[in-house]
């Protein structure tokens, strides 16, 4: 178990160093991943806003 945890820690450290020193073009890859995640978050926010509006509309209709 300690070996697996050590491996994960070393892997994370290697990834951080790769981004820090731009080994293997890792900064571009990381930036693309972050941009992709941002797009996903924006889509989720949009869907959440639509669901929230639908719930508010239903609640207003029930009050009438």
PDB file of N, CA and C in Angstrom:
ATOM      1  N   UNK A   1       0.823  -1.183   0.000  1.00  0.00           N
ATOM      2  CA  UNK A   1       0.000   0.000   0.000  1.00  0.00           C
ATOM      3  C   UNK A   1       0.870   1.250   0.000  1.00  0.00           C
ATOM      4  N   UNK A   2       1.924   1.255   0.806  1.00  0.00           N
ATOM      5  CA  UNK A   2       2.815   2.411   0.851  1.00  0.00           C
ATOM      6  C   UNK A   2       3.484   2.630  -0.501  1.00  0.00           C
ATOM      7  N   UNK A   3       3.761   1.546  -1.206  1.00  0.00           N
ATOM      8  CA  UNK A   3       4.373   1.647  -2.526  1.00  0.00           C
ATOM      9  C   UNK A   3       3.468   2.336  -3.523  1.00  0.00           C
ATOM     10  N   UNK A   4       2.163   2.048  -3.468  1.00  0.00           N
ATOM     11  CA  UNK A   4       1.208   2.669  -4.376  1.00  0.00           C
ATOM     12  C   UNK A   4       1.079   4.156  -4.084  1.00  0.00           C
ATOM     13  N   UNK A   5       1.020   4.495  -2.801  1.00  0.00           N
ATOM     14  CA  UNK A   5       0.915   5.903  -2.417  1.00  0.00           C
ATOM     15  C   UNK A   5       2.173   6.647  -2.832  1.00  0.00           C
ATOM     16  N   UNK A   6       3.327   6.043  -2.630  1.00  0.00           N
ATOM     17  CA  UNK A   6       4.583   6.666  -3.028  1.00  0.00           C
ATOM     18  C   UNK A   6       4.631   6.873  -4.534  1.00  0.00           C
ATOM     19  N   UNK A   7       4.164   5.895  -5.283  1.00  0.00           N
ATOM     20  CA  UNK A   7       4.147   6.011  -6.733  1.00  0.00           C
ATOM     21  C   UNK A   7       3.252   7.171  -7.179  1.00  0.00           C
ATOM     22  N   UNK A   8       2.084   7.295  -6.569  1.00  0.00           N
ATOM     23  CA  UNK A   8       1.171   8.385  -6.925  1.00  0.00           C
ATOM     24  C   UNK A   8       1.786   9.732  -6.591  1.00  0.00           C
ATOM     25  N   UNK A   9       2.418   9.833  -5.427  1.00  0.00           N
ATOM     26  CA  UNK A   9       3.063  11.091  -5.034  1.00  0.00           C
ATOM     27  C   UNK A   9       4.187  11.440  -6.005  1.00  0.00           C
ATOM     28  N   UNK A  10       5.010  10.466  -6.354  1.00  0.00           N
ATOM     29  CA  UNK A  10       6.096  10.714  -7.302  1.00  0.00           C
ATOM     30  C   UNK A  10       5.556  11.102  -8.684  1.00  0.00           C
ATOM     31  N   UNK A  11       4.476  10.487  -9.099  1.00  0.00           N
ATOM     32  CA  UNK A  11       3.866  10.816 -10.377  1.00  0.00           C
ATOM     33  C   UNK A  11       3.354  12.249 -10.382  1.00  0.00           C
ATOM     34  N   UNK A  12       2.696  12.663  -9.303  1.00  0.00           N
ATOM     35  CA  UNK A  12       2.196  14.034  -9.192  1.00  0.00           C
ATOM     36  C   UNK A  12       3.354  15.017  -9.203  1.00  0.00           C
ATOM     37  N   UNK A  13       4.416  14.705  -8.480  1.00  0.00           N
ATOM     38  CA  UNK A  13       5.594  15.582  -8.452  1.00  0.00           C
ATOM     39  C   UNK A  13       6.196  15.693  -9.847  1.00  0.00           C
ATOM     40  N   UNK A  14       6.289  14.589 -10.566  1.00  0.00           N
ATOM     41  CA  UNK A  14       6.834  14.609 -11.922  1.00  0.00           C
ATOM     42  C   UNK A  14       5.964  15.469 -12.836  1.00  0.00           C
ATOM     43  N   UNK A  15       4.644  15.349 -12.719  1.00  0.00           N
ATOM     44  CA  UNK A  15       3.743  16.146 -13.555  1.00  0.00           C
ATOM     45  C   UNK A  15       3.899  17.629 -13.246  1.00  0.00           C
ATOM     46  N   UNK A  16       3.989  17.958 -11.971  1.00  0.00           N
ATOM     47  CA  UNK A  16       4.172  19.365 -11.580  1.00  0.00           C
ATOM     48  C   UNK A  16       5.490  19.902 -12.129  1.00  0.00           C
ATOM     49  N   UNK A  17       6.560  19.127 -12.004  1.00  0.00           N
ATOM     50  CA  UNK A  17       7.853  19.569 -12.535  1.00  0.00           C
ATOM     51  C   UNK A  17       7.819  19.696 -14.054  1.00  0.00           C
ATOM     52  N   UNK A  18       7.127  18.783 -14.713  1.00  0.00           N
ATOM     53  CA  UNK A  18       7.026  18.840 -16.170  1.00  0.00           C
ATOM     54  C   UNK A  18       6.317  20.114 -16.608  1.00  0.00           C
ATOM     55  N   UNK A  19       5.270  20.486 -15.895  1.00  0.00           N
ATOM     56  CA  UNK A  19       4.561  21.727 -16.234  1.00  0.00           C
ATOM     57  C   UNK A  19       5.425  22.934 -15.887  1.00  0.00           C
ATOM     58  N   UNK A  20       6.077  22.887 -14.735  1.00  0.00           N
ATOM     59  CA  UNK A  20       6.893  24.008 -14.277  1.00  0.00           C
ATOM     60  C   UNK A  20       8.022  24.321 -15.251  1.00  0.00           C
ATOM     61  N   UNK A  21       8.691  23.301 -15.745  1.00  0.00           N
ATOM     62  CA  UNK A  21       9.839  23.503 -16.614  1.00  0.00           C
ATOM     63  C   UNK A  21       9.522  23.250 -18.087  1.00  0.00           C
ATOM     64  N   UNK A  22       8.238  23.052 -18.401  1.00  0.00           N
ATOM     65  CA  UNK A  22       7.749  22.845 -19.764  1.00  0.00           C
ATOM     66  C   UNK A  22       8.456  21.689 -20.461  1.00  0.00           C
ATOM     67  N   UNK A  23       8.567  20.573 -19.763  1.00  0.00           N
ATOM     68  CA  UNK A  23       9.125  19.383 -20.375  1.00  0.00           C
ATOM     69  C   UNK A  23       8.087  18.764 -21.299  1.00  0.00           C
ATOM     70  N   UNK A  24       8.518  18.305 -22.441  1.00  0.00           N
ATOM     71  CA  UNK A  24       7.668  17.583 -23.392  1.00  0.00           C
ATOM     72  C   UNK A  24       6.461  18.393 -23.856  1.00  0.00           C
ATOM     73  N   UNK A  25       6.537  19.712 -23.798  1.00  0.00           N
ATOM     74  CA  UNK A  25       5.407  20.549 -24.206  1.00  0.00           C
ATOM     75  C   UNK A  25       4.209  20.408 -23.291  1.00  0.00           C
ATOM     76  N   UNK A  26       4.472  20.135 -22.034  1.00  0.00           N
ATOM     77  CA  UNK A  26       3.389  19.842 -21.091  1.00  0.00           C
ATOM     78  C   UNK A  26       2.535  21.062 -20.763  1.00  0.00           C
ATOM     79  N   UNK A  27       3.101  22.250 -20.872  1.00  0.00           N
ATOM     80  CA  UNK A  27       2.295  23.441 -20.574  1.00  0.00           C
ATOM     81  C   UNK A  27       1.144  23.580 -21.559  1.00  0.00           C
ATOM     82  N   UNK A  28       1.421  23.339 -22.837  1.00  0.00           N
ATOM     83  CA  UNK A  28       0.360  23.423 -23.837  1.00  0.00           C
ATOM     84  C   UNK A  28      -0.716  22.375 -23.579  1.00  0.00           C
ATOM     85  N   UNK A  29      -0.293  21.164 -23.262  1.00  0.00           N
ATOM     86  CA  UNK A  29      -1.260  20.108 -22.967  1.00  0.00           C
ATOM     87  C   UNK A  29      -2.117  20.459 -21.755  1.00  0.00           C
ATOM     88  N   UNK A  30      -1.454  20.976 -20.729  1.00  0.00           N
ATOM     89  CA  UNK A  30      -2.178  21.354 -19.513  1.00  0.00           C
ATOM     90  C   UNK A  30      -3.158  22.483 -19.798  1.00  0.00           C
ATOM     91  N   UNK A  31      -2.707  23.472 -20.577  1.00  0.00           N
ATOM     92  CA  UNK A  31      -3.579  24.605 -20.913  1.00  0.00           C
ATOM     93  C   UNK A  31      -4.795  24.143 -21.706  1.00  0.00           C
ATOM     94  N   UNK A  32      -4.593  23.213 -22.635  1.00  0.00           N
ATOM     95  CA  UNK A  32      -5.722  22.677 -23.398  1.00  0.00           C
ATOM     96  C   UNK A  32      -6.696  21.946 -22.478  1.00  0.00           C
ATOM     97  N   UNK A  33      -6.163  21.212 -21.519  1.00  0.00           N
ATOM     98  CA  UNK A  33      -7.016  20.516 -20.560  1.00  0.00           C
ATOM     99  C   UNK A  33      -7.809  21.473 -19.699  1.00  0.00           C
ATOM    100  N   UNK A  34      -7.166  22.541 -19.259  1.00  0.00           N
ATOM    101  CA  UNK A  34      -7.850  23.537 -18.437  1.00  0.00           C
ATOM    102  C   UNK A  34      -8.928  24.238 -19.262  1.00  0.00           C
ATOM    103  N   UNK A  35      -8.616  24.557 -20.512  1.00  0.00           N
ATOM    104  CA  UNK A  35      -9.614  25.188 -21.377  1.00  0.00           C
ATOM    105  C   UNK A  35     -10.804  24.259 -21.591  1.00  0.00           C
ATOM    106  N   UNK A  36     -10.536  22.991 -21.792  1.00  0.00           N
ATOM    107  CA  UNK A  36     -11.612  22.019 -21.956  1.00  0.00           C
ATOM    108  C   UNK A  36     -12.465  21.912 -20.710  1.00  0.00           C
ATOM    109  N   UNK A  37     -11.820  21.932 -19.562  1.00  0.00           N
ATOM    110  CA  UNK A  37     -12.561  21.875 -18.297  1.00  0.00           C
ATOM    111  C   UNK A  37     -13.414  23.131 -18.118  1.00  0.00           C
ATOM    112  N   UNK A  38     -12.881  24.273 -18.524  1.00  0.00           N
ATOM    113  CA  UNK A  38     -13.634  25.525 -18.410  1.00  0.00           C
ATOM    114  C   UNK A  38     -14.892  25.480 -19.283  1.00  0.00           C
ATOM    115  N   UNK A  39     -14.767  24.935 -20.485  1.00  0.00           N
ATOM    116  CA  UNK A  39     -15.921  24.805 -21.370  1.00  0.00           C
ATOM    117  C   UNK A  39     -16.968  23.889 -20.735  1.00  0.00           C
ATOM    118  N   UNK A  40     -16.504  22.797 -20.152  1.00  0.00           N
ATOM    119  CA  UNK A  40     -17.425  21.868 -19.496  1.00  0.00           C
ATOM    120  C   UNK A  40     -18.144  22.540 -18.333  1.00  0.00           C
ATOM    121  N   UNK A  41     -17.417  23.317 -17.542  1.00  0.00           N
ATOM    122  CA  UNK A  41     -18.024  24.023 -16.407  1.00  0.00           C
ATOM    123  C   UNK A  41     -19.063  25.022 -16.900  1.00  0.00           C
ATOM    124  N   UNK A  42     -18.763  25.725 -17.980  1.00  0.00           N
ATOM    125  CA  UNK A  42     -19.714  26.696 -18.519  1.00  0.00           C
ATOM    126  C   UNK A  42     -20.989  26.002 -19.007  1.00  0.00           C
ATOM    127  N   UNK A  43     -20.855  24.842 -19.636  1.00  0.00           N
ATOM    128  CA  UNK A  43     -22.042  24.103 -20.092  1.00  0.00           C
ATOM    129  C   UNK A  43     -22.872  23.622 -18.909  1.00  0.00           C
ATOM    130  N   UNK A  44     -22.196  23.147 -17.864  1.00  0.00           N
ATOM    131  CA  UNK A  44     -22.906  22.695 -16.665  1.00  0.00           C
ATOM    132  C   UNK A  44     -23.623  23.868 -16.000  1.00  0.00           C
ATOM    133  N   UNK A  45     -22.961  25.035 -15.941  1.00  0.00           N
ATOM    134  CA  UNK A  45     -23.588  26.218 -15.362  1.00  0.00           C
ATOM    135  C   UNK A  45     -24.827  26.604 -16.149  1.00  0.00           C
ATOM    136  N   UNK A  46     -24.720  26.561 -17.477  1.00  0.00           N
ATOM    137  CA  UNK A  46     -25.849  26.905 -18.329  1.00  0.00           C
ATOM    138  C   UNK A  46     -27.013  25.947 -18.105  1.00  0.00           C
ATOM    139  N   UNK A  47     -26.716  24.662 -18.042  1.00  0.00           N
ATOM    140  CA  UNK A  47     -27.766  23.675 -17.801  1.00  0.00           C
ATOM    141  C   UNK A  47     -28.393  23.888 -16.426  1.00  0.00           C
ATOM    142  N   UNK A  48     -27.588  24.181 -15.428  1.00  0.00           N
ATOM    143  CA  UNK A  48     -28.097  24.433 -14.081  1.00  0.00           C
ATOM    144  C   UNK A  48     -28.993  25.656 -14.035  1.00  0.00           C
ATOM    145  N   UNK A  49     -28.607  26.708 -14.763  1.00  0.00           N
ATOM    146  CA  UNK A  49     -29.435  27.914 -14.818  1.00  0.00           C
ATOM    147  C   UNK A  49     -30.789  27.624 -15.463  1.00  0.00           C
ATOM    148  N   UNK A  50     -30.779  26.820 -16.527  1.00  0.00           N
ATOM    149  CA  UNK A  50     -32.037  26.475 -17.202  1.00  0.00           C
ATOM    150  C   UNK A  50     -32.939  25.658 -16.281  1.00  0.00           C
ATOM    151  N   UNK A  51     -32.362  24.704 -15.566  1.00  0.00           N
ATOM    152  CA  UNK A  51     -33.142  23.890 -14.635  1.00  0.00           C
ATOM    153  C   UNK A  51     -33.697  24.767 -13.514  1.00  0.00           C
ATOM    154  N   UNK A  52     -32.878  25.699 -13.020  1.00  0.00           N
ATOM    155  CA  UNK A  52     -33.310  26.597 -11.955  1.00  0.00           C
ATOM    156  C   UNK A  52     -34.474  27.471 -12.428  1.00  0.00           C
ATOM    157  N   UNK A  53     -34.397  27.967 -13.658  1.00  0.00           N
ATOM    158  CA  UNK A  53     -35.489  28.774 -14.210  1.00  0.00           C
ATOM    159  C   UNK A  53     -36.763  27.945 -14.345  1.00  0.00           C
ATOM    160  N   UNK A  54     -36.621  26.703 -14.778  1.00  0.00           N
ATOM    161  CA  UNK A  54     -37.787  25.827 -14.910  1.00  0.00           C
ATOM    162  C   UNK A  54     -38.420  25.574 -13.552  1.00  0.00           C
ATOM    163  N   UNK A  55     -37.617  25.351 -12.529  1.00  0.00           N
ATOM    164  CA  UNK A  55     -38.144  25.120 -11.180  1.00  0.00           C
ATOM    165  C   UNK A  55     -38.857  26.365 -10.665  1.00  0.00           C
ATOM    166  N   UNK A  56     -38.269  27.530 -10.903  1.00  0.00           N
ATOM    167  CA  UNK A  56     -38.905  28.779 -10.471  1.00  0.00           C
ATOM    168  C   UNK A  56     -40.235  28.978 -11.179  1.00  0.00           C
ATOM    169  N   UNK A  57     -40.283  28.661 -12.468  1.00  0.00           N
ATOM    170  CA  UNK A  57     -41.526  28.790 -13.229  1.00  0.00           C
ATOM    171  C   UNK A  57     -42.587  27.852 -12.679  1.00  0.00           C
ATOM    172  N   UNK A  58     -42.214  26.632 -12.377  1.00  0.00           N
ATOM    173  CA  UNK A  58     -43.166  25.669 -11.819  1.00  0.00           C
ATOM    174  C   UNK A  58     -43.658  26.143 -10.458  1.00  0.00           C
ATOM    175  N   UNK A  59     -42.742  26.651  -9.637  1.00  0.00           N
ATOM    176  CA  UNK A  59     -43.147  27.152  -8.315  1.00  0.00           C
ATOM    177  C   UNK A  59     -44.094  28.330  -8.425  1.00  0.00           C
ATOM    178  N   UNK A  60     -43.863  29.218  -9.392  1.00  0.00           N
ATOM    179  CA  UNK A  60     -44.756  30.364  -9.600  1.00  0.00           C
ATOM    180  C   UNK A  60     -46.124  29.911 -10.063  1.00  0.00           C
ATOM    181  N   UNK A  61     -46.171  28.895 -10.920  1.00  0.00           N
ATOM    182  CA  UNK A  61     -47.444  28.370 -11.413  1.00  0.00           C
ATOM    183  C   UNK A  61     -48.218  27.707 -10.276  1.00  0.00           C
ATOM    184  N   UNK A  62     -47.543  27.049  -9.354  1.00  0.00           N
ATOM    185  CA  UNK A  62     -48.213  26.405  -8.224  1.00  0.00           C
ATOM    186  C   UNK A  62     -48.805  27.438  -7.265  1.00  0.00           C
ATOM    187  N   UNK A  63     -48.170  28.590  -7.145  1.00  0.00           N
ATOM    188  CA  UNK A  63     -48.647  29.630  -6.237  1.00  0.00           C
ATOM    189  C   UNK A  63     -49.915  30.282  -6.772  1.00  0.00           C
ATOM    190  N   UNK A  64     -50.141  30.240  -8.076  1.00  0.00           N
ATOM    191  CA  UNK A  64     -51.324  30.894  -8.667  1.00  0.00           C
ATOM    192  C   UNK A  64     -52.537  30.114  -8.468  1.00  0.00           C
TER     193      UNK A  64
END
